[in-house]
Amino acid sequence: MEQKKKKKIPERQCLGCNQHKPKRELLRVVRTPEGEVLLDFTGKKNGRGAYICRDVMCLRKARKSKRLDRSLGCEVPEAVYDAMEDELIENGEAN
């Protein structure tokens, strides 16, 4: 009798709602080696990553509690938060 191995699905924790979800369902926020902070829709950009749900409310919670700043190890400018929020809304990710 041969047992099939279950493929392990990588999970990450959302910085907004603290729920663990499959990595593919979350949106990666990355601090590049140059120090730029941006959204990574592909999940493959080089740099330090943090994860949030594809929901504007989770981004707002993470913004209010400065969790992205702590996770990425740098201060995220307000303009970057605004741009990320706009990008989420633009891509129809606002739940």
Protein backbone atom coordinates (compact mmCIF):
# COMPACT_ATOMS: atom_id res chain seq x y z
CA MET A 1 0.00 0.00 0.00
CA GLU A 2 1.49 3.29 -1.13
CA GLN A 3 0.56 6.45 0.73
CA LYS A 4 0.53 9.73 -1.11
CA LYS A 5 2.46 12.50 0.57
CA LYS A 6 0.44 15.61 1.19
CA LYS A 7 2.11 18.63 -0.30
CA LYS A 8 2.72 21.20 2.40
CA ILE A 9 1.15 24.56 1.60
CA PRO A 10 3.27 27.43 2.92
CA GLU A 11 1.34 29.74 5.24
CA ARG A 12 2.05 33.28 6.37
CA GLN A 13 0.46 35.53 8.98
CA CYS A 14 -1.38 38.68 7.94
CA LEU A 15 -0.05 41.73 9.78
CA GLY A 16 -3.54 43.28 9.79
CA CYS A 17 -5.85 40.56 11.11
CA ASN A 18 -3.21 38.11 12.48
CA GLN A 19 -4.78 35.15 10.65
CA HIS A 20 -2.60 32.45 9.13
CA LYS A 21 -3.47 31.90 5.48
CA PRO A 22 -1.88 30.22 2.48
CA LYS A 23 0.92 32.39 1.11
CA ARG A 24 -0.76 32.67 -2.32
CA GLU A 25 -3.86 34.29 -0.79
CA LEU A 26 -1.82 37.07 0.80
CA LEU A 27 -0.16 40.12 -0.65
CA ARG A 28 3.54 40.66 -0.03
CA VAL A 29 4.92 44.03 0.98
CA VAL A 30 8.64 44.19 0.31
CA ARG A 31 11.53 46.41 1.40
CA THR A 32 14.05 46.24 -1.41
CA PRO A 33 17.82 46.23 -0.77
CA GLU A 34 17.74 49.90 -1.85
CA GLY A 35 15.29 50.65 1.00
CA GLU A 36 12.21 51.18 -1.18
CA VAL A 37 8.90 49.80 0.20
CA LEU A 38 6.34 48.53 -2.32
CA LEU A 39 3.63 45.97 -2.99
CA ASP A 40 4.79 42.72 -4.56
CA PHE A 41 1.91 41.13 -6.46
CA THR A 42 4.20 38.37 -7.82
CA GLY A 43 5.68 37.43 -4.43
CA LYS A 44 9.12 37.12 -6.01
CA LYS A 45 10.74 40.52 -5.68
CA ASN A 46 14.08 40.66 -3.92
CA GLY A 47 14.10 41.96 -0.35
CA ARG A 48 12.56 41.63 3.09
CA GLY A 49 8.90 40.67 2.91
CA ALA A 50 5.84 41.02 5.09
CA TYR A 51 2.34 39.79 4.33
CA ILE A 52 -1.16 41.26 4.48
CA CYS A 53 -4.56 40.10 3.24
CA ARG A 54 -5.69 41.49 -0.09
CA ASP A 55 -8.05 43.71 1.87
CA VAL A 56 -7.77 47.46 2.41
CA MET A 57 -9.00 47.06 6.00
CA CYS A 58 -6.05 44.80 6.87
CA LEU A 59 -3.64 47.32 5.37
CA ARG A 60 -5.26 50.08 7.43
CA LYS A 61 -4.96 48.01 10.63
CA ALA A 62 -1.29 47.26 9.92
CA ARG A 63 -0.75 50.96 9.19
CA LYS A 64 -2.40 52.12 12.41
CA SER A 65 -0.39 49.73 14.59
CA LYS A 66 2.88 50.33 12.66
CA ARG A 67 3.27 46.57 12.21
CA LEU A 68 4.72 46.91 8.71
CA ASP A 69 7.37 49.29 10.05
CA ARG A 70 8.44 46.77 12.69
CA SER A 71 8.31 43.77 10.39
CA LEU A 72 10.30 45.43 7.60
CA GLY A 73 12.73 47.10 9.98
CA CYS A 74 12.23 50.60 8.61
CA GLU A 75 9.76 53.45 8.84
CA VAL A 76 7.21 53.23 6.04
CA PRO A 77 6.34 56.75 4.79
CA GLU A 78 2.66 57.79 4.80
CA ALA A 79 2.85 58.36 1.02
CA VAL A 80 3.81 54.70 0.54
CA TYR A 81 0.81 53.55 2.62
CA ASP A 82 -1.46 55.80 0.54
CA ALA A 83 -0.03 54.44 -2.71
CA MET A 84 -0.44 50.84 -1.50
CA GLU A 85 -4.05 51.52 -0.51
CA ASP A 86 -4.77 53.07 -3.91
CA GLU A 87 -3.13 50.12 -5.66
CA LEU A 88 -5.22 47.62 -3.68
CA ILE A 89 -8.41 49.49 -4.54
CA GLU A 90 -7.35 49.83 -8.21
CA ASN A 91 -6.72 46.10 -8.53
CA GLY A 92 -10.16 45.32 -7.14
CA GLU A 93 -8.70 43.78 -4.01
CA ALA A 94 -10.85 45.78 -1.58
CA ASN A 95 -13.11 43.27 0.14
